[in-house]
All heavy atoms as atom14 arrays in JSON, in Angstrom:
{
  "sequence": "CHPEFENYDAFNSMTHETLFNIALKKLASGVHTESILEAS",
  "atom14_mask": [
    [1, 1, 1, 1, 1, 1, 0, 0, 0, 0, 0, 0, 0, 0],
    [1, 1, 1, 1, 1, 1, 1, 1, 1, 1, 0, 0, 0, 0],
    [1, 1, 1, 1, 1, 1, 1, 0, 0, 0, 0, 0, 0, 0],
    [1, 1, 1, 1, 1, 1, 1, 1, 1, 0, 0, 0, 0, 0],
    [1, 1, 1, 1, 1, 1, 1, 1, 1, 1, 1, 0, 0, 0],
    [1, 1, 1, 1, 1, 1, 1, 1, 1, 0, 0, 0, 0, 0],
    [1, 1, 1, 1, 1, 1, 1, 1, 0, 0, 0, 0, 0, 0],
    [1, 1, 1, 1, 1, 1, 1, 1, 1, 1, 1, 1, 0, 0],
    [1, 1, 1, 1, 1, 1, 1, 1, 0, 0, 0, 0, 0, 0],
    [1, 1, 1, 1, 1, 0, 0, 0, 0, 0, 0, 0, 0, 0],
    [1, 1, 1, 1, 1, 1, 1, 1, 1, 1, 1, 0, 0, 0],
    [1, 1, 1, 1, 1, 1, 1, 1, 0, 0, 0, 0, 0, 0],
    [1, 1, 1, 1, 1, 1, 0, 0, 0, 0, 0, 0, 0, 0],
    [1, 1, 1, 1, 1, 1, 1, 1, 0, 0, 0, 0, 0, 0],
    [1, 1, 1, 1, 1, 1, 1, 0, 0, 0, 0, 0, 0, 0],
    [1, 1, 1, 1, 1, 1, 1, 1, 1, 1, 0, 0, 0, 0],
    [1, 1, 1, 1, 1, 1, 1, 1, 1, 0, 0, 0, 0, 0],
    [1, 1, 1, 1, 1, 1, 1, 0, 0, 0, 0, 0, 0, 0],
    [1, 1, 1, 1, 1, 1, 1, 1, 0, 0, 0, 0, 0, 0],
    [1, 1, 1, 1, 1, 1, 1, 1, 1, 1, 1, 0, 0, 0],
    [1, 1, 1, 1, 1, 1, 1, 1, 0, 0, 0, 0, 0, 0],
    [1, 1, 1, 1, 1, 1, 1, 1, 0, 0, 0, 0, 0, 0],
    [1, 1, 1, 1, 1, 0, 0, 0, 0, 0, 0, 0, 0, 0],
    [1, 1, 1, 1, 1, 1, 1, 1, 0, 0, 0, 0, 0, 0],
    [1, 1, 1, 1, 1, 1, 1, 1, 1, 0, 0, 0, 0, 0],
    [1, 1, 1, 1, 1, 1, 1, 1, 1, 0, 0, 0, 0, 0],
    [1, 1, 1, 1, 1, 1, 1, 1, 0, 0, 0, 0, 0, 0],
    [1, 1, 1, 1, 1, 0, 0, 0, 0, 0, 0, 0, 0, 0],
    [1, 1, 1, 1, 1, 1, 0, 0, 0, 0, 0, 0, 0, 0],
    [1, 1, 1, 1, 0, 0, 0, 0, 0, 0, 0, 0, 0, 0],
    [1, 1, 1, 1, 1, 1, 1, 0, 0, 0, 0, 0, 0, 0],
    [1, 1, 1, 1, 1, 1, 1, 1, 1, 1, 0, 0, 0, 0],
    [1, 1, 1, 1, 1, 1, 1, 0, 0, 0, 0, 0, 0, 0],
    [1, 1, 1, 1, 1, 1, 1, 1, 1, 0, 0, 0, 0, 0],
    [1, 1, 1, 1, 1, 1, 0, 0, 0, 0, 0, 0, 0, 0],
    [1, 1, 1, 1, 1, 1, 1, 1, 0, 0, 0, 0, 0, 0],
    [1, 1, 1, 1, 1, 1, 1, 1, 0, 0, 0, 0, 0, 0],
    [1, 1, 1, 1, 1, 1, 1, 1, 1, 0, 0, 0, 0, 0],
    [1, 1, 1, 1, 1, 0, 0, 0, 0, 0, 0, 0, 0, 0],
    [1, 1, 1, 1, 1, 1, 0, 0, 0, 0, 0, 0, 0, 0]
  ],
  "atom14_positions": [
    [[238.32, 121.81, 172.25], [238.44, 122.74, 171.16], [239.53, 123.77, 171.43], [239.73, 124.15, 172.58], [237.1, 123.5, 171.03], [235.67, 122.45, 170.58], [0.0, 0.0, 0.0], [0.0, 0.0, 0.0], [0.0, 0.0, 0.0], [0.0, 0.0, 0.0], [0.0, 0.0, 0.0], [0.0, 0.0, 0.0], [0.0, 0.0, 0.0], [0.0, 0.0, 0.0]],
    [[240.14, 124.26, 170.38], [241.18, 125.26, 170.55], [241.09, 126.24, 169.37], [241.0, 125.85, 168.27], [242.6, 124.6, 170.59], [243.64, 125.49, 171.12], [244.11, 126.58, 170.42], [244.32, 125.54, 172.33], [245.05, 127.22, 171.07], [245.16, 126.56, 172.26], [0.0, 0.0, 0.0], [0.0, 0.0, 0.0], [0.0, 0.0, 0.0], [0.0, 0.0, 0.0]],
    [[241.11, 127.55, 169.68], [240.9, 128.54, 168.71], [242.02, 128.63, 167.63], [241.79, 129.26, 166.53], [240.83, 129.87, 169.44], [241.48, 129.59, 170.73], [241.25, 128.15, 171.01], [0.0, 0.0, 0.0], [0.0, 0.0, 0.0], [0.0, 0.0, 0.0], [0.0, 0.0, 0.0], [0.0, 0.0, 0.0], [0.0, 0.0, 0.0], [0.0, 0.0, 0.0]],
    [[243.17, 128.08, 167.84], [244.26, 128.16, 166.92], [244.09, 127.11, 165.77], [244.9, 127.07, 164.86], [245.64, 127.98, 167.59], [245.98, 129.19, 168.43], [247.35, 129.02, 169.09], [248.09, 128.1, 168.77], [247.61, 129.93, 169.94], [0.0, 0.0, 0.0], [0.0, 0.0, 0.0], [0.0, 0.0, 0.0], [0.0, 0.0, 0.0], [0.0, 0.0, 0.0]],
    [[243.12, 126.27, 165.82], [242.91, 125.17, 164.86], [241.59, 125.48, 164.08], [240.74, 126.26, 164.46], [242.87, 123.79, 165.55], [244.21, 123.42, 166.12], [244.52, 123.83, 167.4], [245.04, 122.69, 165.44], [245.71, 123.47, 168.01], [246.27, 122.28, 165.91], [246.61, 122.72, 167.23], [0.0, 0.0, 0.0], [0.0, 0.0, 0.0], [0.0, 0.0, 0.0]],
    [[241.49, 124.78, 162.93], [240.44, 124.97, 162.03], [239.05, 124.65, 162.61], [238.98, 123.86, 163.55], [240.61, 124.18, 160.71], [240.73, 122.73, 161.01], [241.19, 121.93, 159.76], [242.06, 122.42, 158.99], [240.74, 120.81, 159.6], [0.0, 0.0, 0.0], [0.0, 0.0, 0.0], [0.0, 0.0, 0.0], [0.0, 0.0, 0.0], [0.0, 0.0, 0.0]],
    [[238.01, 125.28, 162.12], [236.63, 125.01, 162.45], [236.36, 125.18, 163.96], [235.49, 124.56, 164.49], [236.23, 123.59, 162.04], [236.35, 123.37, 160.57], [235.99, 124.27, 159.76], [236.91, 122.29, 160.15], [0.0, 0.0, 0.0], [0.0, 0.0, 0.0], [0.0, 0.0, 0.0], [0.0, 0.0, 0.0], [0.0, 0.0, 0.0], [0.0, 0.0, 0.0]],
    [[237.05, 126.06, 164.56], [236.91, 126.26, 166.05], [235.44, 126.61, 166.39], [234.86, 126.0, 167.3], [237.82, 127.39, 166.56], [237.54, 127.7, 167.99], [237.98, 126.9, 169.06], [236.88, 128.89, 168.4], [237.75, 127.21, 170.37], [236.68, 129.21, 169.69], [237.04, 128.33, 170.7], [236.88, 128.7, 171.99], [0.0, 0.0, 0.0], [0.0, 0.0, 0.0]],
    [[234.89, 127.6, 165.75], [233.51, 128.04, 166.1], [232.52, 126.96, 165.95], [231.61, 126.77, 166.78], [233.09, 129.27, 165.29], [233.89, 130.52, 165.66], [234.25, 130.61, 166.88], [234.09, 131.42, 164.82], [0.0, 0.0, 0.0], [0.0, 0.0, 0.0], [0.0, 0.0, 0.0], [0.0, 0.0, 0.0], [0.0, 0.0, 0.0], [0.0, 0.0, 0.0]],
    [[232.67, 126.17, 164.86], [231.72, 125.04, 164.58], [231.78, 123.97, 165.69], [230.77, 123.56, 166.31], [232.02, 124.41, 163.23], [0.0, 0.0, 0.0], [0.0, 0.0, 0.0], [0.0, 0.0, 0.0], [0.0, 0.0, 0.0], [0.0, 0.0, 0.0], [0.0, 0.0, 0.0], [0.0, 0.0, 0.0], [0.0, 0.0, 0.0], [0.0, 0.0, 0.0]],
    [[233.05, 123.64, 166.06], [233.2, 122.59, 167.09], [232.84, 123.11, 168.48], [232.18, 122.41, 169.27], [234.64, 122.05, 167.16], [234.94, 121.0, 166.12], [235.14, 121.31, 164.78], [234.94, 119.67, 166.51], [235.41, 120.3, 163.86], [235.19, 118.62, 165.59], [235.39, 118.96, 164.25], [0.0, 0.0, 0.0], [0.0, 0.0, 0.0], [0.0, 0.0, 0.0]],
    [[233.2, 124.35, 168.79], [232.9, 124.9, 170.07], [231.44, 125.1, 170.35], [231.07, 125.22, 171.5], [233.7, 126.2, 170.29], [233.93, 126.58, 171.73], [234.28, 125.69, 172.49], [233.74, 127.78, 172.07], [0.0, 0.0, 0.0], [0.0, 0.0, 0.0], [0.0, 0.0, 0.0], [0.0, 0.0, 0.0], [0.0, 0.0, 0.0], [0.0, 0.0, 0.0]],
    [[230.61, 125.1, 169.29], [229.19, 125.33, 169.45], [228.47, 123.96, 169.54], [227.26, 123.97, 169.76], [228.62, 126.21, 168.36], [228.75, 125.5, 167.13], [0.0, 0.0, 0.0], [0.0, 0.0, 0.0], [0.0, 0.0, 0.0], [0.0, 0.0, 0.0], [0.0, 0.0, 0.0], [0.0, 0.0, 0.0], [0.0, 0.0, 0.0], [0.0, 0.0, 0.0]],
    [[229.17, 122.91, 169.41], [228.59, 121.51, 169.44], [228.25, 121.16, 170.91], [228.88, 121.62, 171.84], [229.51, 120.47, 168.91], [229.77, 120.61, 167.42], [230.91, 119.3, 166.89], [231.01, 119.73, 165.13], [0.0, 0.0, 0.0], [0.0, 0.0, 0.0], [0.0, 0.0, 0.0], [0.0, 0.0, 0.0], [0.0, 0.0, 0.0], [0.0, 0.0, 0.0]],
    [[227.25, 120.29, 171.05], [226.96, 119.75, 172.43], [228.06, 118.85, 172.89], [228.84, 118.33, 172.09], [225.64, 118.96, 172.43], [225.84, 117.79, 171.58], [224.45, 119.8, 171.84], [0.0, 0.0, 0.0], [0.0, 0.0, 0.0], [0.0, 0.0, 0.0], [0.0, 0.0, 0.0], [0.0, 0.0, 0.0], [0.0, 0.0, 0.0], [0.0, 0.0, 0.0]],
    [[228.15, 118.67, 174.14], [229.12, 117.71, 174.75], [228.92, 116.31, 174.26], [229.89, 115.58, 174.01], [229.12, 117.8, 176.29], [229.74, 119.02, 176.84], [228.99, 120.06, 177.31], [231.01, 119.43, 176.9], [229.85, 121.03, 177.69], [231.02, 120.68, 177.47], [0.0, 0.0, 0.0], [0.0, 0.0, 0.0], [0.0, 0.0, 0.0], [0.0, 0.0, 0.0]],
    [[227.65, 115.93, 174.02], [227.38, 114.62, 173.53], [227.97, 114.42, 172.07], [228.51, 113.41, 171.75], [225.89, 114.32, 173.5], [225.53, 112.9, 173.11], [224.12, 112.53, 173.33], [223.36, 113.28, 174.0], [223.7, 111.5, 172.75], [0.0, 0.0, 0.0], [0.0, 0.0, 0.0], [0.0, 0.0, 0.0], [0.0, 0.0, 0.0], [0.0, 0.0, 0.0]],
    [[227.81, 115.44, 171.27], [228.32, 115.38, 169.94], [229.83, 115.33, 169.97], [230.5, 114.53, 169.27], [227.89, 116.62, 169.11], [226.45, 116.58, 168.99], [228.48, 116.54, 167.69], [0.0, 0.0, 0.0], [0.0, 0.0, 0.0], [0.0, 0.0, 0.0], [0.0, 0.0, 0.0], [0.0, 0.0, 0.0], [0.0, 0.0, 0.0], [0.0, 0.0, 0.0]],
    [[230.49, 116.13, 170.81], [231.94, 116.1, 170.96], [232.35, 114.71, 171.5], [233.39, 114.2, 171.06], [232.41, 117.19, 171.93], [232.26, 118.62, 171.42], [232.66, 119.64, 172.5], [233.11, 118.85, 170.17], [0.0, 0.0, 0.0], [0.0, 0.0, 0.0], [0.0, 0.0, 0.0], [0.0, 0.0, 0.0], [0.0, 0.0, 0.0], [0.0, 0.0, 0.0]],
    [[231.61, 114.12, 172.35], [231.94, 112.81, 172.88], [231.99, 111.8, 171.79], [232.91, 111.03, 171.63], [230.96, 112.34, 173.94], [231.0, 110.91, 174.29], [232.16, 110.36, 174.91], [229.96, 110.11, 174.03], [232.16, 109.07, 175.23], [230.02, 108.69, 174.27], [231.12, 108.18, 174.88], [0.0, 0.0, 0.0], [0.0, 0.0, 0.0], [0.0, 0.0, 0.0]],
    [[230.91, 111.86, 170.89], [230.89, 110.89, 169.81], [232.08, 111.07, 168.8], [232.64, 110.08, 168.34], [229.55, 111.01, 169.01], [228.41, 110.49, 169.87], [228.56, 109.5, 170.6], [227.25, 111.11, 169.73], [0.0, 0.0, 0.0], [0.0, 0.0, 0.0], [0.0, 0.0, 0.0], [0.0, 0.0, 0.0], [0.0, 0.0, 0.0], [0.0, 0.0, 0.0]],
    [[232.48, 112.34, 168.57], [233.61, 112.56, 167.7], [234.9, 112.08, 168.4], [235.78, 111.47, 167.77], [233.72, 114.08, 167.37], [232.55, 114.48, 166.48], [235.06, 114.44, 166.69], [232.4, 116.0, 166.31], [0.0, 0.0, 0.0], [0.0, 0.0, 0.0], [0.0, 0.0, 0.0], [0.0, 0.0, 0.0], [0.0, 0.0, 0.0], [0.0, 0.0, 0.0]],
    [[235.05, 112.41, 169.68], [236.24, 112.02, 170.42], [236.35, 110.46, 170.54], [237.44, 109.92, 170.4], [236.19, 112.58, 171.86], [0.0, 0.0, 0.0], [0.0, 0.0, 0.0], [0.0, 0.0, 0.0], [0.0, 0.0, 0.0], [0.0, 0.0, 0.0], [0.0, 0.0, 0.0], [0.0, 0.0, 0.0], [0.0, 0.0, 0.0], [0.0, 0.0, 0.0]],
    [[235.24, 109.79, 170.71], [235.21, 108.3, 170.78], [235.75, 107.76, 169.46], [236.5, 106.83, 169.46], [233.79, 107.88, 171.07], [233.64, 106.49, 171.68], [234.36, 106.38, 173.01], [232.19, 106.12, 171.87], [0.0, 0.0, 0.0], [0.0, 0.0, 0.0], [0.0, 0.0, 0.0], [0.0, 0.0, 0.0], [0.0, 0.0, 0.0], [0.0, 0.0, 0.0]],
    [[235.27, 108.31, 168.39], [235.79, 107.81, 167.04], [237.29, 108.11, 166.87], [237.98, 107.2, 166.4], [235.02, 108.53, 165.93], [233.63, 108.03, 165.75], [232.88, 108.8, 164.65], [231.42, 108.41, 164.6], [230.65, 109.19, 163.67], [0.0, 0.0, 0.0], [0.0, 0.0, 0.0], [0.0, 0.0, 0.0], [0.0, 0.0, 0.0], [0.0, 0.0, 0.0]],
    [[237.76, 109.26, 167.37], [239.21, 109.55, 167.24], [239.97, 108.55, 168.11], [241.03, 108.05, 167.75], [239.49, 110.99, 167.65], [239.02, 111.99, 166.63], [239.35, 113.42, 167.09], [238.98, 114.37, 166.02], [240.12, 115.02, 165.41], [0.0, 0.0, 0.0], [0.0, 0.0, 0.0], [0.0, 0.0, 0.0], [0.0, 0.0, 0.0], [0.0, 0.0, 0.0]],
    [[239.44, 108.28, 169.34], [240.08, 107.34, 170.24], [240.17, 106.01, 169.64], [241.21, 105.28, 169.7], [239.3, 107.35, 171.57], [239.91, 106.6, 172.72], [241.2, 107.22, 173.2], [238.92, 106.54, 173.87], [0.0, 0.0, 0.0], [0.0, 0.0, 0.0], [0.0, 0.0, 0.0], [0.0, 0.0, 0.0], [0.0, 0.0, 0.0], [0.0, 0.0, 0.0]],
    [[239.05, 105.53, 169.02], [239.01, 104.19, 168.42], [239.85, 104.05, 167.18], [240.22, 102.96, 166.74], [237.52, 103.82, 168.11], [0.0, 0.0, 0.0], [0.0, 0.0, 0.0], [0.0, 0.0, 0.0], [0.0, 0.0, 0.0], [0.0, 0.0, 0.0], [0.0, 0.0, 0.0], [0.0, 0.0, 0.0], [0.0, 0.0, 0.0], [0.0, 0.0, 0.0]],
    [[240.2, 105.15, 166.6], [240.93, 105.15, 165.27], [242.36, 104.6, 165.47], [243.02, 104.12, 164.53], [241.05, 106.52, 164.67], [241.96, 107.36, 165.39], [0.0, 0.0, 0.0], [0.0, 0.0, 0.0], [0.0, 0.0, 0.0], [0.0, 0.0, 0.0], [0.0, 0.0, 0.0], [0.0, 0.0, 0.0], [0.0, 0.0, 0.0], [0.0, 0.0, 0.0]],
    [[242.91, 104.67, 166.72], [244.2, 104.17, 166.97], [245.3, 105.19, 166.8], [246.47, 104.92, 167.03], [0.0, 0.0, 0.0], [0.0, 0.0, 0.0], [0.0, 0.0, 0.0], [0.0, 0.0, 0.0], [0.0, 0.0, 0.0], [0.0, 0.0, 0.0], [0.0, 0.0, 0.0], [0.0, 0.0, 0.0], [0.0, 0.0, 0.0], [0.0, 0.0, 0.0]],
    [[244.97, 106.33, 166.24], [245.98, 107.39, 165.95], [246.75, 107.81, 167.18], [247.96, 108.08, 167.12], [245.35, 108.58, 165.26], [246.33, 109.76, 165.11], [244.79, 108.22, 163.9], [0.0, 0.0, 0.0], [0.0, 0.0, 0.0], [0.0, 0.0, 0.0], [0.0, 0.0, 0.0], [0.0, 0.0, 0.0], [0.0, 0.0, 0.0], [0.0, 0.0, 0.0]],
    [[246.03, 107.9, 168.33], [246.66, 108.39, 169.53], [247.06, 107.31, 170.55], [247.43, 107.66, 171.67], [245.72, 109.43, 170.19], [245.37, 110.55, 169.27], [246.18, 111.42, 168.8], [244.11, 110.85, 168.76], [245.6, 112.3, 168.01], [244.32, 111.91, 167.92], [0.0, 0.0, 0.0], [0.0, 0.0, 0.0], [0.0, 0.0, 0.0], [0.0, 0.0, 0.0]],
    [[246.91, 106.07, 170.17], [247.1, 104.97, 171.12], [248.43, 105.06, 171.87], [248.45, 105.0, 173.12], [246.94, 103.59, 170.47], [245.61, 103.53, 169.89], [247.18, 102.43, 171.37], [0.0, 0.0, 0.0], [0.0, 0.0, 0.0], [0.0, 0.0, 0.0], [0.0, 0.0, 0.0], [0.0, 0.0, 0.0], [0.0, 0.0, 0.0], [0.0, 0.0, 0.0]],
    [[249.5, 105.19, 171.16], [250.84, 105.14, 171.78], [250.99, 106.4, 172.76], [251.48, 106.16, 173.87], [251.91, 105.2, 170.71], [252.12, 103.93, 169.98], [253.32, 103.98, 169.02], [254.32, 104.6, 169.43], [253.18, 103.39, 167.97], [0.0, 0.0, 0.0], [0.0, 0.0, 0.0], [0.0, 0.0, 0.0], [0.0, 0.0, 0.0], [0.0, 0.0, 0.0]],
    [[250.55, 107.52, 172.36], [250.63, 108.68, 173.19], [249.8, 108.58, 174.44], [250.26, 108.9, 175.55], [250.2, 109.94, 172.47], [251.02, 110.17, 171.35], [0.0, 0.0, 0.0], [0.0, 0.0, 0.0], [0.0, 0.0, 0.0], [0.0, 0.0, 0.0], [0.0, 0.0, 0.0], [0.0, 0.0, 0.0], [0.0, 0.0, 0.0], [0.0, 0.0, 0.0]],
    [[248.6, 108.0, 174.33], [247.71, 107.83, 175.5], [248.3, 106.83, 176.44], [248.33, 107.01, 177.67], [246.29, 107.39, 174.99], [245.6, 108.5, 174.3], [245.46, 106.93, 176.18], [244.36, 108.15, 173.54], [0.0, 0.0, 0.0], [0.0, 0.0, 0.0], [0.0, 0.0, 0.0], [0.0, 0.0, 0.0], [0.0, 0.0, 0.0], [0.0, 0.0, 0.0]],
    [[248.84, 105.7, 175.92], [249.42, 104.71, 176.8], [250.65, 105.21, 177.5], [250.84, 104.95, 178.67], [249.76, 103.39, 175.97], [248.58, 102.64, 175.48], [249.02, 101.46, 174.57], [247.71, 102.07, 176.61], [0.0, 0.0, 0.0], [0.0, 0.0, 0.0], [0.0, 0.0, 0.0], [0.0, 0.0, 0.0], [0.0, 0.0, 0.0], [0.0, 0.0, 0.0]],
    [[251.52, 105.93, 176.73], [252.69, 106.53, 177.37], [252.3, 107.53, 178.54], [252.89, 107.46, 179.63], [253.54, 107.25, 176.38], [254.84, 107.72, 176.89], [255.75, 108.43, 175.81], [255.44, 108.26, 174.65], [256.75, 108.96, 176.26], [0.0, 0.0, 0.0], [0.0, 0.0, 0.0], [0.0, 0.0, 0.0], [0.0, 0.0, 0.0], [0.0, 0.0, 0.0]],
    [[251.38, 108.4, 178.24], [250.98, 109.37, 179.29], [250.37, 108.63, 180.48], [250.6, 108.94, 181.64], [249.94, 110.3, 178.67], [0.0, 0.0, 0.0], [0.0, 0.0, 0.0], [0.0, 0.0, 0.0], [0.0, 0.0, 0.0], [0.0, 0.0, 0.0], [0.0, 0.0, 0.0], [0.0, 0.0, 0.0], [0.0, 0.0, 0.0], [0.0, 0.0, 0.0]],
    [[249.58, 107.63, 180.22], [248.89, 106.87, 181.27], [249.85, 106.08, 182.17], [249.67, 105.97, 183.35], [247.86, 105.89, 180.71], [246.87, 106.64, 179.96], [0.0, 0.0, 0.0], [0.0, 0.0, 0.0], [0.0, 0.0, 0.0], [0.0, 0.0, 0.0], [0.0, 0.0, 0.0], [0.0, 0.0, 0.0], [0.0, 0.0, 0.0], [0.0, 0.0, 0.0]]
  ]
}
C-alpha cells in the first residue's frame, strides 16, 4: 500500500490474507509479467 495512490486507508486496513488474495489476482492477470521476469 502507498499513501499517494487511491483507496490507501481501505487497503492499508485489510488483513495480509486479503492483500495476498488481491496480489495473487494481479500477479495472475499478466499485467506485470514482463517487469517481474526482467527484475528476476
